[in-house]
Amino acid sequence: MTGLVPCDSLGLTLMHEHLLWFGGPRLEDPGYTPMPEEKRQESVDFAVSLLKEAERVGVKTLVDLTPHRPLELYQQIAARSSVRIVPSTGFYRRAKIPQTWAEIEDEKKMEDLMLREATEGIGGTKIRAGIMKIASESSPLTDWERKVFRAAARVQKATNVPIATHDGGGAREQFDLLVHNGATPNRVFISHVDMALHAKKRTRADVSAELISLAKDGGYMEFDTFGQESYTPWQDLVFLWRSIIKAGYLNRMFFSMDCNWRWQNGKKVFEGADQPNADPDAGRRTYAYMMTDAVPKLLKSGFSQEEIHTILVDNPRRFFCGA
């Protein structure tokens, strides 16, 4: 958000986060308001407070994967924090993005939008997107989602700007579609891969085999269900991580928190705090949680400081910079 960042200064990087959650029309609830006008300044102040907590525990860079957001508020937030914020372009889930994006049907227009925001600037500014964020609701992908993925692959091939996806249950399908359309494998990461166990009721062995195959083919994978036992129990996470590391692909893993919250009835509500999960600890899983809770638990589970450093520092640098 504030200029180019030298590769060696990225430091501890959270690869999948959200400064402000700005969902779109939410077709199942057309009256949904992602950010009430009277809450804009309070939203900025709260986002800055979360970044300051992250800064205190050592977070240096945060990759924001909300491609549809009020950039002027992001500029205010970035100006008040030393944590580097990498903004994104792209298309999130069609039912949860602003209508102007959701109504784009022409694949070339999708490509042109992402290309412009990655090479010229977002929303008429000179702030360029450092990554593309695309998503699918489920597997198989819809025709509209396939257009988005093909367009992003072409932009990636033309610019080398990397791609992050939201995995709706088809990690392999997403990865193969991107690579088939020209994306470089080691410039792609699939998010929320730890959700596969919960979403599809698949075995740990099946999921680990799929993730290892992605890594073998050059892709990266991101895990973020720390502290969310209702999604992925800790022992299952450890099994997946150890399987991937044992197979030789520690250098293809990212850890993040996917911290996001929204306004609901005048109150801040973190993802997971409402039904059906109703998790009372949802609000604790902010950016800082990675260092205050997740890393100590990783160490107690037998992971080394070197392994954690590779995942949180070395792998993001390699992904963005090839170093």
C-alpha atoms as a PDB file:
ATOM      1  CA  MET A   1       0.000   0.000   0.000  1.00  0.00           C
ATOM      2  CA  THR A   2       2.912   2.388   0.639  1.00  0.00           C
ATOM      3  CA  GLY A   3       5.392   1.410  -2.091  1.00  0.00           C
ATOM      4  CA  LEU A   4       7.683  -1.349  -3.196  1.00  0.00           C
ATOM      5  CA  VAL A   5       9.096  -3.646  -0.509  1.00  0.00           C
ATOM      6  CA  PRO A   6      12.560  -5.223  -0.880  1.00  0.00           C
ATOM      7  CA  CYS A   7      12.373  -8.998  -0.737  1.00  0.00           C
ATOM      8  CA  ASP A   8      14.698  -9.316   2.241  1.00  0.00           C
ATOM      9  CA  SER A   9      12.543  -6.985   4.342  1.00  0.00           C
ATOM     10  CA  LEU A  10       9.227  -8.868   4.052  1.00  0.00           C
ATOM     11  CA  GLY A  11       9.930 -10.617   7.337  1.00  0.00           C
ATOM     12  CA  LEU A  12       7.243 -12.583   9.128  1.00  0.00           C
ATOM     13  CA  THR A  13       4.360 -12.623   6.649  1.00  0.00           C
ATOM     14  CA  LEU A  14       0.728 -13.645   7.031  1.00  0.00           C
ATOM     15  CA  MET A  15      -0.362 -14.682   3.546  1.00  0.00           C
ATOM     16  CA  HIS A  16      -4.165 -14.656   3.822  1.00  0.00           C
ATOM     17  CA  GLU A  17      -5.760 -11.848   5.830  1.00  0.00           C
ATOM     18  CA  HIS A  18      -8.418  -9.138   5.593  1.00  0.00           C
ATOM     19  CA  LEU A  19      -8.126  -5.577   6.908  1.00  0.00           C
ATOM     20  CA  LEU A  20     -11.792  -4.807   6.414  1.00  0.00           C
ATOM     21  CA  TRP A  21     -14.395  -7.312   5.315  1.00  0.00           C
ATOM     22  CA  PHE A  22     -16.335  -5.802   2.448  1.00  0.00           C
ATOM     23  CA  GLY A  23     -18.661  -8.463   1.119  1.00  0.00           C
ATOM     24  CA  GLY A  24     -20.995  -7.632  -1.686  1.00  0.00           C
ATOM     25  CA  PRO A  25     -24.702  -8.121  -2.266  1.00  0.00           C
ATOM     26  CA  ARG A  26     -24.968 -11.472  -0.459  1.00  0.00           C
ATOM     27  CA  LEU A  27     -27.730 -12.762  -2.683  1.00  0.00           C
ATOM     28  CA  GLU A  28     -29.274 -14.680   0.200  1.00  0.00           C
ATOM     29  CA  ASP A  29     -29.603 -11.391   2.128  1.00  0.00           C
ATOM     30  CA  PRO A  30     -29.910  -8.419  -0.272  1.00  0.00           C
ATOM     31  CA  GLY A  31     -30.299  -5.963   2.604  1.00  0.00           C
ATOM     32  CA  TYR A  32     -26.875  -6.780   4.051  1.00  0.00           C
ATOM     33  CA  THR A  33     -24.700  -3.708   4.666  1.00  0.00           C
ATOM     34  CA  PRO A  34     -20.990  -4.605   4.816  1.00  0.00           C
ATOM     35  CA  MET A  35     -19.932  -1.357   6.461  1.00  0.00           C
ATOM     36  CA  PRO A  36     -22.436   1.205   7.718  1.00  0.00           C
ATOM     37  CA  GLU A  37     -21.474   4.744   6.778  1.00  0.00           C
ATOM     38  CA  GLU A  38     -21.455   5.873  10.405  1.00  0.00           C
ATOM     39  CA  LYS A  39     -19.013   3.070  11.278  1.00  0.00           C
ATOM     40  CA  ARG A  40     -16.305   3.879   8.738  1.00  0.00           C
ATOM     41  CA  GLN A  41     -13.958   5.723  11.110  1.00  0.00           C
ATOM     42  CA  GLU A  42     -14.467   3.200  13.890  1.00  0.00           C
ATOM     43  CA  SER A  43     -13.691   0.454  11.363  1.00  0.00           C
ATOM     44  CA  VAL A  44     -10.415   2.135  10.438  1.00  0.00           C
ATOM     45  CA  ASP A  45      -9.458   2.641  14.084  1.00  0.00           C
ATOM     46  CA  PHE A  46     -10.212  -0.983  14.924  1.00  0.00           C
ATOM     47  CA  ALA A  47      -8.219  -2.289  11.957  1.00  0.00           C
ATOM     48  CA  VAL A  48      -5.263  -0.149  13.031  1.00  0.00           C
ATOM     49  CA  SER A  49      -5.494  -1.528  16.578  1.00  0.00           C
ATOM     50  CA  LEU A  50      -5.342  -5.109  15.266  1.00  0.00           C
ATOM     51  CA  LEU A  51      -2.285  -4.247  13.179  1.00  0.00           C
ATOM     52  CA  LYS A  52      -0.566  -2.660  16.160  1.00  0.00           C
ATOM     53  CA  GLU A  53      -1.104  -5.864  18.147  1.00  0.00           C
ATOM     54  CA  ALA A  54       0.381  -7.839  15.251  1.00  0.00           C
ATOM     55  CA  GLU A  55       3.348  -5.481  15.045  1.00  0.00           C
ATOM     56  CA  ARG A  56       4.076  -5.930  18.758  1.00  0.00           C
ATOM     57  CA  VAL A  57       4.437  -9.697  18.331  1.00  0.00           C
ATOM     58  CA  GLY A  58       6.644  -9.504  15.251  1.00  0.00           C
ATOM     59  CA  VAL A  59       4.369  -9.533  12.191  1.00  0.00           C
ATOM     60  CA  LYS A  60       6.012  -7.468   9.438  1.00  0.00           C
ATOM     61  CA  THR A  61       3.856  -8.015   6.349  1.00  0.00           C
ATOM     62  CA  LEU A  62       0.217  -8.832   5.801  1.00  0.00           C
ATOM     63  CA  VAL A  63      -1.293  -9.943   2.488  1.00  0.00           C
ATOM     64  CA  ASP A  64      -4.828  -8.606   2.219  1.00  0.00           C
ATOM     65  CA  LEU A  65      -7.016 -10.869   0.091  1.00  0.00           C
ATOM     66  CA  THR A  66     -10.114  -8.698  -0.112  1.00  0.00           C
ATOM     67  CA  PRO A  67     -10.039  -7.591  -3.765  1.00  0.00           C
ATOM     68  CA  HIS A  68     -13.239  -5.517  -3.438  1.00  0.00           C
ATOM     69  CA  ARG A  69     -12.814  -2.882  -0.761  1.00  0.00           C
ATOM     70  CA  PRO A  70     -12.908   0.874  -0.056  1.00  0.00           C
ATOM     71  CA  LEU A  71      -9.321   1.713  -0.952  1.00  0.00           C
ATOM     72  CA  GLU A  72      -9.483   5.138   0.680  1.00  0.00           C
ATOM     73  CA  LEU A  73      -9.987   3.462   4.045  1.00  0.00           C
ATOM     74  CA  TYR A  74      -7.097   1.091   3.354  1.00  0.00           C
ATOM     75  CA  GLN A  75      -4.905   4.102   2.658  1.00  0.00           C
ATOM     76  CA  GLN A  76      -5.812   5.578   6.039  1.00  0.00           C
ATOM     77  CA  ILE A  77      -5.032   2.285   7.764  1.00  0.00           C
ATOM     78  CA  ALA A  78      -1.709   1.819   5.961  1.00  0.00           C
ATOM     79  CA  ALA A  79      -0.596   5.329   6.889  1.00  0.00           C
ATOM     80  CA  ARG A  80      -1.047   4.536  10.592  1.00  0.00           C
ATOM     81  CA  SER A  81       0.783   1.199  10.732  1.00  0.00           C
ATOM     82  CA  SER A  82       4.318  -0.023  10.105  1.00  0.00           C
ATOM     83  CA  VAL A  83       2.999  -3.444   9.032  1.00  0.00           C
ATOM     84  CA  ARG A  84       3.326  -3.640   5.242  1.00  0.00           C
ATOM     85  CA  ILE A  85       0.007  -4.365   3.537  1.00  0.00           C
ATOM     86  CA  VAL A  86      -0.001  -6.117   0.166  1.00  0.00           C
ATOM     87  CA  PRO A  87      -3.308  -5.321  -1.609  1.00  0.00           C
ATOM     88  CA  SER A  88      -5.019  -7.636  -4.066  1.00  0.00           C
ATOM     89  CA  THR A  89      -7.063  -7.526  -7.226  1.00  0.00           C
ATOM     90  CA  GLY A  90      -9.389 -10.217  -8.491  1.00  0.00           C
ATOM     91  CA  PHE A  91     -12.843 -11.683  -7.935  1.00  0.00           C
ATOM     92  CA  TYR A  92     -14.072 -13.299  -4.739  1.00  0.00           C
ATOM     93  CA  ARG A  93     -17.154 -15.554  -4.540  1.00  0.00           C
ATOM     94  CA  ARG A  94     -19.806 -14.213  -6.889  1.00  0.00           C
ATOM     95  CA  ALA A  95     -22.571 -14.064  -4.263  1.00  0.00           C
ATOM     96  CA  LYS A  96     -20.367 -12.005  -1.946  1.00  0.00           C
ATOM     97  CA  ILE A  97     -18.849  -9.290  -4.132  1.00  0.00           C
ATOM     98  CA  PRO A  98     -20.112  -5.860  -5.184  1.00  0.00           C
ATOM     99  CA  GLN A  99     -22.720  -6.088  -7.901  1.00  0.00           C
ATOM    100  CA  THR A 100     -20.631  -4.241 -10.472  1.00  0.00           C
ATOM    101  CA  TRP A 101     -18.058  -7.068 -10.346  1.00  0.00           C
ATOM    102  CA  ALA A 102     -20.610  -9.869 -10.012  1.00  0.00           C
ATOM    103  CA  GLU A 103     -22.351  -8.753 -13.201  1.00  0.00           C
ATOM    104  CA  ILE A 104     -19.220  -8.894 -15.370  1.00  0.00           C
ATOM    105  CA  GLU A 105     -19.705 -11.777 -17.779  1.00  0.00           C
ATOM    106  CA  ASP A 106     -17.079 -10.968 -20.397  1.00  0.00           C
ATOM    107  CA  GLU A 107     -13.848 -12.849 -19.721  1.00  0.00           C
ATOM    108  CA  LYS A 108     -11.738 -10.205 -21.461  1.00  0.00           C
ATOM    109  CA  LYS A 109     -13.188  -7.509 -19.179  1.00  0.00           C
ATOM    110  CA  MET A 110     -12.239  -9.621 -16.178  1.00  0.00           C
ATOM    111  CA  GLU A 111      -8.708  -9.940 -17.510  1.00  0.00           C
ATOM    112  CA  ASP A 112      -8.434  -6.229 -18.297  1.00  0.00           C
ATOM    113  CA  LEU A 113      -9.605  -5.250 -14.807  1.00  0.00           C
ATOM    114  CA  MET A 114      -7.048  -7.456 -13.046  1.00  0.00           C
ATOM    115  CA  LEU A 115      -4.284  -6.470 -15.443  1.00  0.00           C
ATOM    116  CA  ARG A 116      -4.971  -2.769 -14.923  1.00  0.00           C
ATOM    117  CA  GLU A 117      -5.035  -3.017 -11.141  1.00  0.00           C
ATOM    118  CA  ALA A 118      -1.825  -5.069 -11.088  1.00  0.00           C
ATOM    119  CA  THR A 119       0.166  -2.907 -13.497  1.00  0.00           C
ATOM    120  CA  GLU A 120      -1.294   0.617 -13.282  1.00  0.00           C
ATOM    121  CA  GLY A 121      -3.159   0.963  -9.999  1.00  0.00           C
ATOM    122  CA  ILE A 122      -6.361   0.262  -8.119  1.00  0.00           C
ATOM    123  CA  GLY A 123      -9.334   2.576  -8.444  1.00  0.00           C
ATOM    124  CA  GLY A 124      -7.519   5.371 -10.213  1.00  0.00           C
ATOM    125  CA  THR A 125      -4.612   5.395  -7.738  1.00  0.00           C
ATOM    126  CA  LYS A 126      -0.995   4.402  -8.306  1.00  0.00           C
ATOM    127  CA  ILE A 127      -1.311   1.624  -5.733  1.00  0.00           C
ATOM    128  CA  ARG A 128      -0.745  -1.614  -7.611  1.00  0.00           C
ATOM    129  CA  ALA A 129      -2.086  -4.975  -6.537  1.00  0.00           C
ATOM    130  CA  GLY A 130       0.687  -7.326  -5.457  1.00  0.00           C
ATOM    131  CA  ILE A 131      -1.415 -10.459  -5.842  1.00  0.00           C
ATOM    132  CA  MET A 132      -4.643 -11.710  -7.446  1.00  0.00           C
ATOM    133  CA  LYS A 133      -7.395 -13.298  -5.335  1.00  0.00           C
ATOM    134  CA  ILE A 134      -9.900 -15.583  -7.044  1.00  0.00           C
ATOM    135  CA  ALA A 135     -12.424 -18.046  -5.660  1.00  0.00           C
ATOM    136  CA  SER A 136     -14.899 -20.817  -6.266  1.00  0.00           C
ATOM    137  CA  GLU A 137     -17.934 -21.775  -4.200  1.00  0.00           C
ATOM    138  CA  SER A 138     -17.540 -25.506  -4.707  1.00  0.00           C
ATOM    139  CA  SER A 139     -16.365 -28.149  -7.134  1.00  0.00           C
ATOM    140  CA  PRO A 140     -16.873 -28.340 -10.061  1.00  0.00           C
ATOM    141  CA  LEU A 141     -16.390 -24.649 -10.827  1.00  0.00           C
ATOM    142  CA  THR A 142     -19.223 -22.736 -12.467  1.00  0.00           C
ATOM    143  CA  ASP A 143     -18.842 -21.282 -15.956  1.00  0.00           C
ATOM    144  CA  TRP A 144     -18.430 -17.793 -14.439  1.00  0.00           C
ATOM    145  CA  GLU A 145     -15.730 -19.005 -12.052  1.00  0.00           C
ATOM    146  CA  ARG A 146     -13.876 -20.719 -14.883  1.00  0.00           C
ATOM    147  CA  LYS A 147     -13.810 -17.414 -16.753  1.00  0.00           C
ATOM    148  CA  VAL A 148     -12.266 -15.733 -13.706  1.00  0.00           C
ATOM    149  CA  PHE A 149      -9.625 -18.447 -13.335  1.00  0.00           C
ATOM    150  CA  ARG A 150      -8.673 -18.388 -17.027  1.00  0.00           C
ATOM    151  CA  ALA A 151      -8.440 -14.593 -16.983  1.00  0.00           C
ATOM    152  CA  ALA A 152      -6.251 -14.608 -13.869  1.00  0.00           C
ATOM    153  CA  ALA A 153      -3.969 -17.245 -15.359  1.00  0.00           C
ATOM    154  CA  ARG A 154      -3.364 -15.085 -18.423  1.00  0.00           C
ATOM    155  CA  VAL A 155      -2.628 -12.021 -16.279  1.00  0.00           C
ATOM    156  CA  GLN A 156      -0.229 -14.064 -14.166  1.00  0.00           C
ATOM    157  CA  LYS A 157       1.570 -15.307 -17.259  1.00  0.00           C
ATOM    158  CA  ALA A 158       1.854 -11.769 -18.636  1.00  0.00           C
ATOM    159  CA  THR A 159       2.911  -9.982 -15.442  1.00  0.00           C
ATOM    160  CA  ASN A 160       4.287 -12.631 -13.038  1.00  0.00           C
ATOM    161  CA  VAL A 161       1.903 -11.287 -10.376  1.00  0.00           C
ATOM    162  CA  PRO A 162       1.012 -14.330  -8.229  1.00  0.00           C
ATOM    163  CA  ILE A 163      -2.397 -15.848  -7.572  1.00  0.00           C
ATOM    164  CA  ALA A 164      -4.153 -16.887  -4.355  1.00  0.00           C
ATOM    165  CA  THR A 165      -7.386 -18.857  -4.488  1.00  0.00           C
ATOM    166  CA  HIS A 166     -10.230 -19.511  -2.103  1.00  0.00           C
ATOM    167  CA  ASP A 167     -10.652 -23.275  -2.180  1.00  0.00           C
ATOM    168  CA  GLY A 168     -14.293 -24.251  -2.326  1.00  0.00           C
ATOM    169  CA  GLY A 169     -13.497 -27.953  -2.210  1.00  0.00           C
ATOM    170  CA  GLY A 170     -11.618 -28.401  -5.452  1.00  0.00           C
ATOM    171  CA  ALA A 171      -7.960 -27.581  -4.807  1.00  0.00           C
ATOM    172  CA  ARG A 172      -6.711 -29.846  -7.569  1.00  0.00           C
ATOM    173  CA  GLU A 173      -9.315 -28.591 -10.036  1.00  0.00           C
ATOM    174  CA  GLN A 174      -8.372 -24.973  -9.315  1.00  0.00           C
ATOM    175  CA  PHE A 175      -4.654 -25.577  -9.625  1.00  0.00           C
ATOM    176  CA  ASP A 176      -4.915 -27.597 -12.837  1.00  0.00           C
ATOM    177  CA  LEU A 177      -7.206 -25.032 -14.477  1.00  0.00           C
ATOM    178  CA  LEU A 178      -4.793 -22.203 -13.700  1.00  0.00           C
ATOM    179  CA  VAL A 179      -1.705 -24.064 -14.890  1.00  0.00           C
ATOM    180  CA  HIS A 180      -3.457 -25.310 -18.032  1.00  0.00           C
ATOM    181  CA  ASN A 181      -4.219 -21.692 -18.928  1.00  0.00           C
ATOM    182  CA  GLY A 182      -0.650 -20.486 -18.503  1.00  0.00           C
ATOM    183  CA  ALA A 183      -0.106 -19.756 -14.818  1.00  0.00           C
ATOM    184  CA  THR A 184       3.292 -20.630 -13.383  1.00  0.00           C
ATOM    185  CA  PRO A 185       2.802 -23.341 -10.722  1.00  0.00           C
ATOM    186  CA  ASN A 186       5.098 -21.795  -8.131  1.00  0.00           C
ATOM    187  CA  ARG A 187       3.219 -18.486  -8.404  1.00  0.00           C
ATOM    188  CA  VAL A 188      -0.051 -20.057  -7.217  1.00  0.00           C
ATOM    189  CA  PHE A 189      -1.255 -20.899  -3.732  1.00  0.00           C
ATOM    190  CA  ILE A 190      -4.493 -22.575  -2.718  1.00  0.00           C
ATOM    191  CA  SER A 191      -6.057 -21.214   0.488  1.00  0.00           C
ATOM    192  CA  HIS A 192      -7.945 -23.007   3.261  1.00  0.00           C
ATOM    193  CA  VAL A 193      -6.694 -26.429   2.215  1.00  0.00           C
ATOM    194  CA  ASP A 194      -7.197 -27.612   5.816  1.00  0.00           C
ATOM    195  CA  MET A 195     -10.944 -27.144   5.318  1.00  0.00           C
ATOM    196  CA  ALA A 196     -11.078 -30.108   2.919  1.00  0.00           C
ATOM    197  CA  LEU A 197     -11.549 -32.553   5.786  1.00  0.00           C
ATOM    198  CA  HIS A 198     -14.523 -30.609   7.106  1.00  0.00           C
ATOM    199  CA  ALA A 199     -16.135 -29.760   3.763  1.00  0.00           C
ATOM    200  CA  LYS A 200     -15.959 -33.118   2.046  1.00  0.00           C
ATOM    201  CA  LYS A 201     -15.667 -35.515   5.004  1.00  0.00           C
ATOM    202  CA  ARG A 202     -12.535 -36.913   3.401  1.00  0.00           C
ATOM    203  CA  THR A 203      -9.899 -38.950   5.215  1.00  0.00           C
ATOM    204  CA  ARG A 204      -6.679 -37.414   6.437  1.00  0.00           C
ATOM    205  CA  ALA A 205      -4.703 -39.687   4.132  1.00  0.00           C
ATOM    206  CA  ASP A 206      -6.692 -38.616   1.051  1.00  0.00           C
ATOM    207  CA  VAL A 207      -6.299 -34.928   1.803  1.00  0.00           C
ATOM    208  CA  SER A 208      -2.572 -35.192   2.543  1.00  0.00           C
ATOM    209  CA  ALA A 209      -2.052 -37.144  -0.691  1.00  0.00           C
ATOM    210  CA  GLU A 210      -3.794 -34.419  -2.708  1.00  0.00           C
ATOM    211  CA  LEU A 211      -1.773 -31.657  -1.038  1.00  0.00           C
ATOM    212  CA  ILE A 212       1.493 -33.488  -1.553  1.00  0.00           C
ATOM    213  CA  SER A 213       0.623 -33.889  -5.241  1.00  0.00           C
ATOM    214  CA  LEU A 214       0.009 -30.125  -5.500  1.00  0.00           C
ATOM    215  CA  ALA A 215       3.351 -29.392  -3.881  1.00  0.00           C
ATOM    216  CA  LYS A 216       5.090 -31.921  -6.114  1.00  0.00           C
ATOM    217  CA  ASP A 217       3.695 -30.071  -9.137  1.00  0.00           C
ATOM    218  CA  GLY A 218       5.020 -26.750  -7.816  1.00  0.00           C
ATOM    219  CA  GLY A 219       2.042 -25.217  -6.021  1.00  0.00           C
ATOM    220  CA  TYR A 220       1.828 -23.707  -2.545  1.00  0.00           C
ATOM    221  CA  MET A 221      -0.855 -24.348   0.084  1.00  0.00           C
ATOM    222  CA  GLU A 222      -2.177 -22.174   2.928  1.00  0.00           C
ATOM    223  CA  PHE A 223      -3.525 -23.346   6.319  1.00  0.00           C
ATOM    224  CA  ASP A 224      -5.520 -21.082   8.633  1.00  0.00           C
ATOM    225  CA  THR A 225      -7.912 -23.017  10.913  1.00  0.00           C
ATOM    226  CA  PHE A 226      -5.778 -22.502  14.016  1.00  0.00           C
ATOM    227  CA  GLY A 227      -7.926 -22.744  17.120  1.00  0.00           C
ATOM    228  CA  GLN A 228     -11.023 -23.771  15.147  1.00  0.00           C
ATOM    229  CA  GLU A 229     -11.638 -27.295  16.318  1.00  0.00           C
ATOM    230  CA  SER A 230     -15.120 -27.336  14.770  1.00  0.00           C
ATOM    231  CA  TYR A 231     -13.495 -26.949  11.363  1.00  0.00           C
ATOM    232  CA  THR A 232     -10.287 -28.959  11.615  1.00  0.00           C
ATOM    233  CA  PRO A 233      -9.210 -30.682  14.848  1.00  0.00           C
ATOM    234  CA  TRP A 234      -5.625 -29.995  15.890  1.00  0.00           C
ATOM    235  CA  GLN A 235      -4.541 -33.624  15.569  1.00  0.00           C
ATOM    236  CA  ASP A 236      -5.738 -33.623  11.955  1.00  0.00           C
ATOM    237  CA  LEU A 237      -3.770 -30.461  11.212  1.00  0.00           C
ATOM    238  CA  VAL A 238      -0.626 -31.949  12.726  1.00  0.00           C
ATOM    239  CA  PHE A 239      -1.116 -35.103  10.642  1.00  0.00           C
ATOM    240  CA  LEU A 240      -1.403 -33.067   7.437  1.00  0.00           C
ATOM    241  CA  TRP A 241       1.611 -30.884   8.224  1.00  0.00           C
ATOM    242  CA  ARG A 242       3.813 -33.777   9.239  1.00  0.00           C
ATOM    243  CA  SER A 243       2.834 -35.750   6.132  1.00  0.00           C
ATOM    244  CA  ILE A 244       3.722 -32.820   3.867  1.00  0.00           C
ATOM    245  CA  ILE A 245       6.999 -32.133   5.667  1.00  0.00           C
ATOM    246  CA  LYS A 246       7.957 -35.816   5.644  1.00  0.00           C
ATOM    247  CA  ALA A 247       7.349 -35.866   1.880  1.00  0.00           C
ATOM    248  CA  GLY A 248       9.867 -33.014   1.507  1.00  0.00           C
ATOM    249  CA  TYR A 249       7.538 -30.055   0.929  1.00  0.00           C
ATOM    250  CA  LEU A 250       7.990 -27.848   3.974  1.00  0.00           C
ATOM    251  CA  ASN A 251       8.927 -25.136   1.465  1.00  0.00           C
ATOM    252  CA  ARG A 252       5.401 -25.165  -0.018  1.00  0.00           C
ATOM    253  CA  MET A 253       3.424 -24.329   3.146  1.00  0.00           C
ATOM    254  CA  PHE A 254       1.949 -21.055   4.401  1.00  0.00           C
ATOM    255  CA  PHE A 255       0.326 -20.352   7.778  1.00  0.00           C
ATOM    256  CA  SER A 256      -2.128 -17.496   8.278  1.00  0.00           C
ATOM    257  CA  MET A 257      -5.191 -16.552  10.329  1.00  0.00           C
ATOM    258  CA  ASP A 258      -7.766 -15.414   7.707  1.00  0.00           C
ATOM    259  CA  CYS A 259      -8.878 -12.840  10.269  1.00  0.00           C
ATOM    260  CA  ASN A 260     -12.095 -11.134   9.221  1.00  0.00           C
ATOM    261  CA  TRP A 261     -14.988  -9.442  10.925  1.00  0.00           C
ATOM    262  CA  ARG A 262     -18.086  -7.514   9.942  1.00  0.00           C
ATOM    263  CA  TRP A 263     -20.708  -5.230  11.420  1.00  0.00           C
ATOM    264  CA  GLN A 264     -23.935  -6.903  12.501  1.00  0.00           C
ATOM    265  CA  ASN A 265     -26.659  -5.073  14.417  1.00  0.00           C
ATOM    266  CA  GLY A 266     -24.151  -2.396  15.340  1.00  0.00           C
ATOM    267  CA  LYS A 267     -21.598  -4.841  16.748  1.00  0.00           C
ATOM    268  CA  LYS A 268     -18.333  -6.258  15.430  1.00  0.00           C
ATOM    269  CA  VAL A 269     -18.731  -9.960  14.688  1.00  0.00           C
ATOM    270  CA  PHE A 270     -15.767 -12.166  13.839  1.00  0.00           C
ATOM    271  CA  GLU A 271     -16.161 -15.062  11.435  1.00  0.00           C
ATOM    272  CA  GLY A 272     -17.173 -18.162  13.345  1.00  0.00           C
ATOM    273  CA  ALA A 273     -18.743 -16.251  16.226  1.00  0.00           C
ATOM    274  CA  ASP A 274     -22.302 -16.640  14.926  1.00  0.00           C
ATOM    275  CA  GLN A 275     -24.309 -19.716  14.059  1.00  0.00           C
ATOM    276  CA  PRO A 276     -23.840 -22.538  13.244  1.00  0.00           C
ATOM    277  CA  ASN A 277     -20.464 -22.517  15.048  1.00  0.00           C
ATOM    278  CA  ALA A 278     -21.100 -19.830  17.675  1.00  0.00           C
ATOM    279  CA  ASP A 279     -17.482 -19.938  18.794  1.00  0.00           C
ATOM    280  CA  PRO A 280     -16.959 -17.609  21.773  1.00  0.00           C
ATOM    281  CA  ASP A 281     -13.207 -17.466  21.027  1.00  0.00           C
ATOM    282  CA  ALA A 282     -13.612 -16.277  17.422  1.00  0.00           C
ATOM    283  CA  GLY A 283     -12.623 -12.716  18.317  1.00  0.00           C
ATOM    284  CA  ARG A 284      -9.277 -13.872  19.712  1.00  0.00           C
ATOM    285  CA  ARG A 285      -8.066 -15.208  16.359  1.00  0.00           C
ATOM    286  CA  THR A 286      -6.672 -11.945  15.083  1.00  0.00           C
ATOM    287  CA  TYR A 287      -3.346 -11.459  13.279  1.00  0.00           C
ATOM    288  CA  ALA A 288      -1.444 -11.527  16.582  1.00  0.00           C
ATOM    289  CA  TYR A 289      -2.903 -14.942  17.462  1.00  0.00           C
ATOM    290  CA  MET A 290      -0.390 -16.547  15.120  1.00  0.00           C
ATOM    291  CA  MET A 291       2.452 -15.626  17.471  1.00  0.00           C
ATOM    292  CA  THR A 292       0.654 -15.538  20.840  1.00  0.00           C
ATOM    293  CA  ASP A 293      -1.176 -18.877  20.522  1.00  0.00           C
ATOM    294  CA  ALA A 294      -0.553 -20.815  17.300  1.00  0.00           C
ATOM    295  CA  VAL A 295       3.251 -20.815  17.326  1.00  0.00           C
ATOM    296  CA  PRO A 296       3.542 -21.853  21.020  1.00  0.00           C
ATOM    297  CA  LYS A 297       1.135 -24.710  20.323  1.00  0.00           C
ATOM    298  CA  LEU A 298       3.184 -25.727  17.266  1.00  0.00           C
ATOM    299  CA  LEU A 299       6.322 -25.828  19.393  1.00  0.00           C
ATOM    300  CA  LYS A 300       4.581 -27.958  22.020  1.00  0.00           C
ATOM    301  CA  SER A 301       3.492 -30.321  19.239  1.00  0.00           C
ATOM    302  CA  GLY A 302       7.100 -30.897  18.214  1.00  0.00           C
ATOM    303  CA  PHE A 303       7.618 -28.433  15.397  1.00  0.00           C
ATOM    304  CA  SER A 304      10.969 -26.685  15.430  1.00  0.00           C
ATOM    305  CA  GLN A 305      11.679 -22.974  15.352  1.00  0.00           C
ATOM    306  CA  GLU A 306      13.444 -23.566  12.029  1.00  0.00           C
ATOM    307  CA  GLU A 307      10.354 -25.177  10.493  1.00  0.00           C
ATOM    308  CA  ILE A 308       8.134 -22.350  11.714  1.00  0.00           C
ATOM    309  CA  HIS A 309      10.573 -19.735  10.400  1.00  0.00           C
ATOM    310  CA  THR A 310      10.566 -21.433   7.004  1.00  0.00           C
ATOM    311  CA  ILE A 311       6.768 -21.335   6.821  1.00  0.00           C
ATOM    312  CA  LEU A 312       6.257 -17.790   8.111  1.00  0.00           C
ATOM    313  CA  VAL A 313       9.327 -16.013   6.703  1.00  0.00           C
ATOM    314  CA  ASP A 314      11.217 -17.951   4.044  1.00  0.00           C
ATOM    315  CA  ASN A 315       8.299 -19.344   2.061  1.00  0.00           C
ATOM    316  CA  PRO A 316       6.457 -16.003   1.576  1.00  0.00           C
ATOM    317  CA  ARG A 317       9.718 -14.386   0.442  1.00  0.00           C
ATOM    318  CA  ARG A 318      10.352 -17.211  -2.004  1.00  0.00           C
ATOM    319  CA  PHE A 319       6.794 -17.078  -3.306  1.00  0.00           C
ATOM    320  CA  PHE A 320       6.836 -13.365  -4.036  1.00  0.00           C
ATOM    321  CA  CYS A 321      10.463 -12.894  -4.995  1.00  0.00           C
ATOM    322  CA  GLY A 322      11.857 -16.250  -6.026  1.00  0.00           C
ATOM    323  CA  ALA A 323      14.668 -15.798  -3.519  1.00  0.00           C
END
